[in-house]
Amino acid sequence: MKLKELSELVQGELYGDGDLEFNRISTPQNPKDKTVVFCQRAEDVERLKGLEVFPVVSQTVDFPNYIKVKEVRLALAKFLAHAYPEEHPSGISPKAYMEEGVSLGKDVYVGPFVYLGKDVVLEDGVKVYPFCYIGDGVRIGKGSVLFSGVHVYPGCVIGQGVRIHSGSVIGADGFGYYIGSEGIFKLNHIGKVVVEDFVEIGANTCIDRALIEETKIGKNTKIDNLVQIGHNCIVGEFNVIAGQSGLGGSVKTGKNVVLAGQVAVADHVSLGDNVVVSGKAGVSKNLESGGVYGGGIPAMEWSKWKRLYAYILKLPELFKERKHEDKDST
């Protein structure tokens, strides 16, 4: 690929000879000659000095041939999608098992040892990899991909362009029981899960079905590996939920919410639009829109936590001073 072709692809500004060609991509940590390197930090560029490489950067640099863009990571995403497109097979394996009423669109892939229940609908371009279970009445939208070992319980709805990675379970019963003097009684969950368009769900993530209505994951939301979404949660559009986070039952999030790793949100809590919660925080009450929260358990407004933490660091010194004052007074 030539540099001028790459600059057009990523909508960047070309410096140097656009007819120069590179043979592949390499990383700033291990740069190779004749490669393109996407550099997000100044120190990344420094590692490239003395090598015949072609940086993609967001600022002017002292290199003979490079491309300047507004967002390096966005340029990287465009390049990877173009140069290394994901490929999927087509066709129905004779080792797959389908119940009555299954409807298959064009260019569908159903791998070996897949089970499709009654009245399942796979729209055009859906790919279902080996060992997946798709329960009765499930509908999966155009172009969605379910990687090996995904389980979708009966009645759930998956939108178009959805990606669900291995080991994930969509639509298992929520953790709902009556607990009283007569014992523990299970609440039969008769709702479903609705995953809207262009959602990505990481490996070994569980999204529980609703008790009566639906658990919903909003459009374009991205969920990491090992995340738990409880029953009746309504997750908004364009959310980003990092690994080992957990949402209790009936949690509601607005648009553009970000939950960092190991965030826990208690039952029935609502998070407003554009809320950010830092890692390991526990959220036990509603959070207003636009705030950055963190500081452990319970989560609090981030600027308050930083002030409090500064005071905590000073406590040993304050106790030491107080001890000397008490000694002097005696």
Protein backbone atom coordinates (compact mmCIF):
# COMPACT_ATOMS: atom_id res chain seq x y z
CA MET A 1 0.00 0.00 0.00
CA LYS A 2 1.30 3.49 -0.83
CA LEU A 3 1.43 6.35 1.66
CA LYS A 4 -0.88 8.51 -0.46
CA GLU A 5 -3.47 5.70 -0.45
CA LEU A 6 -3.24 5.43 3.31
CA SER A 7 -3.58 9.20 3.75
CA GLU A 8 -6.76 9.16 1.67
CA LEU A 9 -8.13 6.21 3.63
CA VAL A 10 -7.59 7.85 7.03
CA GLN A 11 -8.32 11.37 5.76
CA GLY A 12 -4.92 12.58 6.89
CA GLU A 13 -2.38 15.16 5.74
CA LEU A 14 0.54 13.62 3.87
CA TYR A 15 4.11 14.82 4.40
CA GLY A 16 6.84 13.50 2.10
CA ASP A 17 6.74 11.07 -0.80
CA GLY A 18 3.27 9.60 -1.27
CA ASP A 19 4.52 6.95 -3.70
CA LEU A 20 6.54 5.17 -1.03
CA GLU A 21 5.14 1.76 -0.15
CA PHE A 22 4.93 -0.08 3.17
CA ASN A 23 4.46 -3.82 3.48
CA ARG A 24 2.70 -4.09 6.84
CA ILE A 25 2.00 -2.48 10.22
CA SER A 26 4.23 -2.63 13.31
CA THR A 27 3.99 -1.26 16.85
CA PRO A 28 5.87 1.65 18.45
CA GLN A 29 7.30 -0.85 20.96
CA ASN A 30 8.69 -3.09 18.19
CA PRO A 31 8.97 -1.02 15.01
CA LYS A 32 10.17 -2.60 11.77
CA ASP A 33 11.60 -1.05 8.59
CA LYS A 34 9.20 -0.46 5.70
CA THR A 35 6.15 -0.49 7.99
CA VAL A 36 3.52 2.02 9.06
CA VAL A 37 3.43 2.82 12.79
CA PHE A 38 0.49 4.51 14.53
CA CYS A 39 1.89 6.70 17.33
CA GLN A 40 -0.38 8.17 19.99
CA ARG A 41 2.38 9.59 22.24
CA ALA A 42 5.52 11.65 21.73
CA GLU A 43 7.68 8.92 23.24
CA ASP A 44 6.35 6.51 20.61
CA VAL A 45 7.80 8.71 17.88
CA GLU A 46 11.18 8.86 19.62
CA ARG A 47 11.55 5.10 19.35
CA LEU A 48 11.31 5.34 15.56
CA LYS A 49 14.34 7.57 15.07
CA GLY A 50 16.91 6.01 12.74
CA LEU A 51 14.43 3.56 11.19
CA GLU A 52 12.83 3.64 7.77
CA VAL A 53 9.25 3.68 9.02
CA PHE A 54 6.19 5.78 8.27
CA PRO A 55 4.51 7.24 11.36
CA VAL A 56 0.87 8.22 11.62
CA VAL A 57 0.68 10.97 14.24
CA SER A 58 -1.55 13.77 15.49
CA GLN A 59 1.16 16.45 15.50
CA THR A 60 3.99 17.68 13.30
CA VAL A 61 7.13 15.53 13.70
CA ASP A 62 10.70 15.55 12.39
CA PHE A 63 10.32 12.69 9.90
CA PRO A 64 10.79 12.76 6.13
CA ASN A 65 7.62 10.77 5.37
CA TYR A 66 4.58 10.65 7.65
CA ILE A 67 0.84 11.25 7.89
CA LYS A 68 -0.83 13.67 10.29
CA VAL A 69 -4.39 12.99 11.46
CA LYS A 70 -6.76 14.38 14.08
CA GLU A 71 -7.26 11.08 15.91
CA VAL A 72 -4.58 8.40 15.65
CA ARG A 73 -6.73 5.62 17.11
CA LEU A 74 -9.57 6.36 14.69
CA ALA A 75 -7.08 6.23 11.81
CA LEU A 76 -5.84 2.88 13.13
CA ALA A 77 -9.39 1.53 13.22
CA LYS A 78 -9.99 2.56 9.61
CA PHE A 79 -6.71 1.03 8.46
CA LEU A 80 -7.26 -2.29 10.23
CA ALA A 81 -10.79 -2.60 8.86
CA HIS A 82 -9.50 -1.99 5.33
CA ALA A 83 -6.26 -3.95 5.36
CA TYR A 84 -7.31 -6.85 7.61
CA PRO A 85 -11.04 -7.36 7.04
CA GLU A 86 -12.73 -10.02 9.13
CA GLU A 87 -13.78 -13.02 7.07
CA HIS A 88 -16.49 -15.54 7.89
CA PRO A 89 -17.60 -18.77 6.22
CA SER A 90 -20.99 -19.47 4.69
CA GLY A 91 -23.14 -22.58 4.48
CA ILE A 92 -25.02 -24.91 6.77
CA SER A 93 -23.09 -27.76 8.37
CA PRO A 94 -24.76 -31.18 8.10
CA LYS A 95 -23.79 -31.62 11.74
CA ALA A 96 -26.00 -28.71 12.82
CA TYR A 97 -29.46 -29.52 14.20
CA MET A 98 -32.52 -27.42 13.35
CA GLU A 99 -36.04 -27.76 14.73
CA GLU A 100 -39.21 -27.04 12.75
CA GLY A 101 -39.93 -23.55 11.48
CA VAL A 102 -36.34 -22.28 11.28
CA SER A 103 -35.94 -19.43 8.78
CA LEU A 104 -32.53 -18.75 7.22
CA GLY A 105 -31.59 -15.69 5.17
CA LYS A 106 -28.94 -15.38 2.47
CA ASP A 107 -25.23 -15.98 3.10
CA VAL A 108 -25.87 -17.50 6.53
CA TYR A 109 -23.33 -19.70 8.31
CA VAL A 110 -24.40 -22.37 10.79
CA GLY A 111 -21.43 -24.36 12.07
CA PRO A 112 -21.13 -27.93 13.31
CA PHE A 113 -23.00 -28.86 16.49
CA VAL A 114 -25.12 -25.72 16.48
CA TYR A 115 -28.67 -26.14 17.80
CA LEU A 116 -31.44 -23.94 16.36
CA GLY A 117 -34.77 -24.20 18.17
CA LYS A 118 -38.28 -23.91 16.81
CA ASP A 119 -39.11 -20.81 14.75
CA VAL A 120 -35.63 -19.33 15.03
CA VAL A 121 -34.97 -16.59 12.46
CA LEU A 122 -31.47 -15.89 11.16
CA GLU A 123 -31.52 -12.91 8.81
CA ASP A 124 -29.10 -12.34 5.91
CA GLY A 125 -25.42 -12.68 6.69
CA VAL A 126 -25.79 -14.07 10.21
CA LYS A 127 -22.86 -16.26 11.31
CA VAL A 128 -23.34 -18.84 14.06
CA TYR A 129 -20.16 -20.66 14.98
CA PRO A 130 -19.89 -24.25 16.30
CA PHE A 131 -21.44 -25.32 19.60
CA CYS A 132 -23.88 -22.41 19.85
CA TYR A 133 -27.36 -22.91 21.31
CA ILE A 134 -30.16 -20.73 19.93
CA GLY A 135 -33.45 -21.32 21.74
CA ASP A 136 -37.01 -21.36 20.42
CA GLY A 137 -38.30 -18.15 18.87
CA VAL A 138 -34.98 -16.27 18.87
CA ARG A 139 -34.55 -13.70 16.11
CA ILE A 140 -31.06 -12.57 15.03
CA GLY A 141 -30.66 -9.55 12.75
CA LYS A 142 -28.62 -9.03 9.59
CA GLY A 143 -24.88 -9.45 9.75
CA SER A 144 -24.68 -10.48 13.39
CA VAL A 145 -21.95 -12.90 14.49
CA LEU A 146 -22.17 -15.39 17.35
CA PHE A 147 -18.81 -16.96 18.05
CA SER A 148 -18.35 -20.50 19.31
CA GLY A 149 -20.20 -21.54 22.44
CA VAL A 150 -22.68 -18.67 22.73
CA HIS A 151 -26.03 -19.57 24.34
CA VAL A 152 -29.14 -17.53 23.56
CA TYR A 153 -32.18 -18.61 25.57
CA PRO A 154 -35.69 -18.81 24.05
CA GLY A 155 -37.54 -15.66 23.08
CA CYS A 156 -34.57 -13.29 23.00
CA VAL A 157 -34.06 -10.75 20.22
CA ILE A 158 -30.66 -9.88 18.76
CA GLY A 159 -30.42 -6.86 16.43
CA GLN A 160 -28.35 -6.39 13.30
CA GLY A 161 -24.58 -6.04 13.28
CA VAL A 162 -24.26 -7.52 16.77
CA ARG A 163 -21.13 -9.44 17.81
CA ILE A 164 -21.30 -11.89 20.73
CA HIS A 165 -18.10 -13.61 21.78
CA SER A 166 -17.51 -17.13 23.02
CA GLY A 167 -19.06 -18.34 26.23
CA SER A 168 -21.59 -15.55 26.63
CA VAL A 169 -25.09 -16.36 27.86
CA ILE A 170 -28.02 -14.22 26.78
CA GLY A 171 -31.34 -14.72 28.53
CA ALA A 172 -30.60 -16.94 31.53
CA ASP A 173 -32.97 -16.42 34.46
CA GLY A 174 -32.37 -13.39 36.62
CA PHE A 175 -31.37 -13.78 40.25
CA GLY A 176 -34.89 -13.29 41.60
CA TYR A 177 -36.44 -15.10 44.58
CA TYR A 178 -38.97 -14.64 47.32
CA ILE A 179 -37.16 -15.10 50.63
CA GLY A 180 -39.30 -15.34 53.74
CA SER A 181 -40.27 -17.39 56.73
CA GLU A 182 -41.57 -20.14 54.49
CA GLY A 183 -38.24 -20.50 52.69
CA ILE A 184 -36.80 -19.46 49.34
CA PHE A 185 -39.12 -19.53 46.33
CA LYS A 186 -37.93 -19.00 42.76
CA LEU A 187 -39.60 -16.28 40.68
CA ASN A 188 -40.12 -17.75 37.23
CA HIS A 189 -38.66 -15.25 34.78
CA ILE A 190 -40.99 -14.96 31.79
CA GLY A 191 -39.45 -11.87 30.14
CA LYS A 192 -36.70 -11.68 27.52
CA VAL A 193 -33.50 -9.93 26.50
CA VAL A 194 -33.40 -7.44 23.63
CA VAL A 195 -29.96 -6.59 22.24
CA GLU A 196 -30.22 -3.65 19.86
CA ASP A 197 -28.18 -2.98 16.70
CA PHE A 198 -24.37 -2.86 16.59
CA VAL A 199 -23.81 -3.99 20.16
CA GLU A 200 -20.66 -5.98 20.97
CA ILE A 201 -20.64 -8.40 23.90
CA GLY A 202 -17.35 -9.83 25.17
CA ALA A 203 -16.53 -13.41 26.10
CA ASN A 204 -18.19 -15.04 29.11
CA THR A 205 -20.56 -12.16 29.73
CA CYS A 206 -24.06 -12.88 31.06
CA ILE A 207 -27.18 -10.82 30.39
CA ASP A 208 -30.19 -12.06 32.36
CA ARG A 209 -33.75 -12.15 31.04
CA ALA A 210 -36.35 -9.90 32.63
CA LEU A 211 -38.78 -11.10 35.24
CA ILE A 212 -41.81 -9.99 33.21
CA GLU A 213 -40.93 -7.51 30.43
CA GLU A 214 -37.43 -7.13 28.95
CA THR A 215 -33.80 -6.51 29.71
CA LYS A 216 -32.47 -4.16 27.03
CA ILE A 217 -29.00 -3.30 25.73
CA GLY A 218 -29.06 -0.07 23.71
CA LYS A 219 -27.64 0.52 20.25
CA ASN A 220 -23.87 0.69 19.76
CA THR A 221 -23.10 -0.26 23.36
CA LYS A 222 -19.86 -2.16 23.90
CA ILE A 223 -19.57 -4.67 26.75
CA ASP A 224 -16.27 -6.25 27.77
CA ASN A 225 -15.54 -9.82 28.86
CA LEU A 226 -16.82 -11.14 32.19
CA VAL A 227 -19.61 -8.63 32.75
CA GLN A 228 -22.89 -9.38 34.55
CA ILE A 229 -26.06 -7.53 33.54
CA GLY A 230 -28.95 -8.30 35.90
CA HIS A 231 -32.61 -8.83 35.07
CA ASN A 232 -34.72 -5.89 33.87
CA CYS A 233 -31.70 -3.63 33.31
CA ILE A 234 -32.10 -0.94 30.66
CA VAL A 235 -28.64 -0.10 29.34
CA GLY A 236 -28.59 3.03 27.18
CA GLU A 237 -27.05 3.68 23.78
CA PHE A 238 -23.29 4.09 23.27
CA ASN A 239 -22.41 2.77 26.73
CA VAL A 240 -18.98 1.26 27.38
CA ILE A 241 -18.80 -1.32 30.21
CA ALA A 242 -15.39 -2.74 31.10
CA GLY A 243 -14.54 -6.20 32.38
CA GLN A 244 -15.70 -7.63 35.71
CA SER A 245 -18.34 -4.96 36.15
CA GLY A 246 -21.76 -5.93 37.44
CA LEU A 247 -25.18 -4.33 37.21
CA GLY A 248 -27.80 -5.42 39.71
CA GLY A 249 -31.43 -5.90 38.75
CA SER A 250 -33.40 -3.01 37.21
CA VAL A 251 -30.41 -0.71 36.79
CA LYS A 252 -30.97 2.01 34.20
CA THR A 253 -28.20 3.88 32.38
CA GLY A 254 -28.45 6.86 30.04
CA LYS A 255 -26.52 7.52 26.85
CA ASN A 256 -22.70 7.52 26.64
CA VAL A 257 -22.17 6.04 30.10
CA VAL A 258 -18.71 4.60 30.83
CA LEU A 259 -18.15 2.03 33.59
CA ALA A 260 -14.49 1.15 34.17
CA GLY A 261 -13.31 -2.26 35.34
CA GLN A 262 -14.88 -3.91 38.39
CA VAL A 263 -17.59 -1.30 38.86
CA ALA A 264 -20.59 -2.56 40.82
CA VAL A 265 -24.00 -0.90 40.49
CA ALA A 266 -26.68 -1.78 43.05
CA ASP A 267 -30.26 -2.79 42.20
CA HIS A 268 -32.66 -0.09 40.93
CA VAL A 269 -29.96 2.59 40.59
CA SER A 270 -30.13 5.04 37.66
CA LEU A 271 -27.12 6.62 35.98
CA GLY A 272 -27.65 9.78 33.92
CA ASP A 273 -26.27 10.54 30.46
CA ASN A 274 -22.49 10.87 30.08
CA VAL A 275 -21.73 9.49 33.53
CA VAL A 276 -18.23 8.05 34.03
CA VAL A 277 -17.48 5.72 36.96
CA SER A 278 -13.85 4.86 37.71
CA GLY A 279 -12.58 1.35 38.37
CA LYS A 280 -13.56 -0.65 41.46
CA ALA A 281 -16.22 1.87 42.47
CA GLY A 282 -19.47 0.77 44.07
CA VAL A 283 -22.55 2.75 43.07
CA SER A 284 -25.35 2.59 45.62
CA LYS A 285 -27.43 5.62 44.66
CA ASN A 286 -28.52 7.49 41.54
CA LEU A 287 -25.82 9.52 39.76
CA GLU A 288 -26.59 12.76 37.96
CA SER A 289 -25.77 13.28 34.30
CA GLY A 290 -22.32 14.40 33.23
CA GLY A 291 -20.41 13.58 36.42
CA VAL A 292 -17.21 11.60 36.90
CA TYR A 293 -17.51 9.36 39.95
CA GLY A 294 -15.24 6.99 41.80
CA GLY A 295 -13.32 6.52 45.01
CA GLY A 296 -14.27 2.98 45.95
CA ILE A 297 -17.41 2.16 47.90
CA PRO A 298 -19.67 4.05 47.80
CA ALA A 299 -18.81 5.91 44.61
CA MET A 300 -18.83 9.68 44.99
CA GLU A 301 -18.27 12.69 42.76
CA TRP A 302 -14.68 12.33 41.54
CA SER A 303 -13.43 15.81 42.46
CA LYS A 304 -14.71 15.31 46.04
CA TRP A 305 -12.92 11.97 46.25
CA LYS A 306 -9.62 13.50 45.12
CA ARG A 307 -9.85 16.18 47.83
CA LEU A 308 -10.75 13.57 50.43
CA TYR A 309 -7.89 11.35 49.31
CA ALA A 310 -5.46 14.27 49.66
CA TYR A 311 -6.62 14.67 53.26
CA ILE A 312 -6.24 10.95 53.90
CA LEU A 313 -2.60 11.09 52.77
CA LYS A 314 -1.97 13.90 55.28
CA LEU A 315 -3.43 12.00 58.24
CA PRO A 316 -0.14 10.39 59.42
CA GLU A 317 1.53 13.81 59.50
CA LEU A 318 -1.40 15.37 61.35
CA PHE A 319 -1.43 12.60 63.96
CA LYS A 320 2.31 12.98 64.40
CA GLU A 321 1.96 16.74 64.97
CA ARG A 322 -0.89 16.20 67.42
CA LYS A 323 1.18 13.66 69.32
CA HIS A 324 4.02 16.16 69.71
CA GLU A 325 1.57 18.87 70.83
CA ASP A 326 0.12 16.57 73.48
CA LYS A 327 3.63 15.71 74.70
CA ASP A 328 4.67 19.35 74.89
CA SER A 329 1.52 20.28 76.82
CA THR A 330 2.40 17.77 79.54
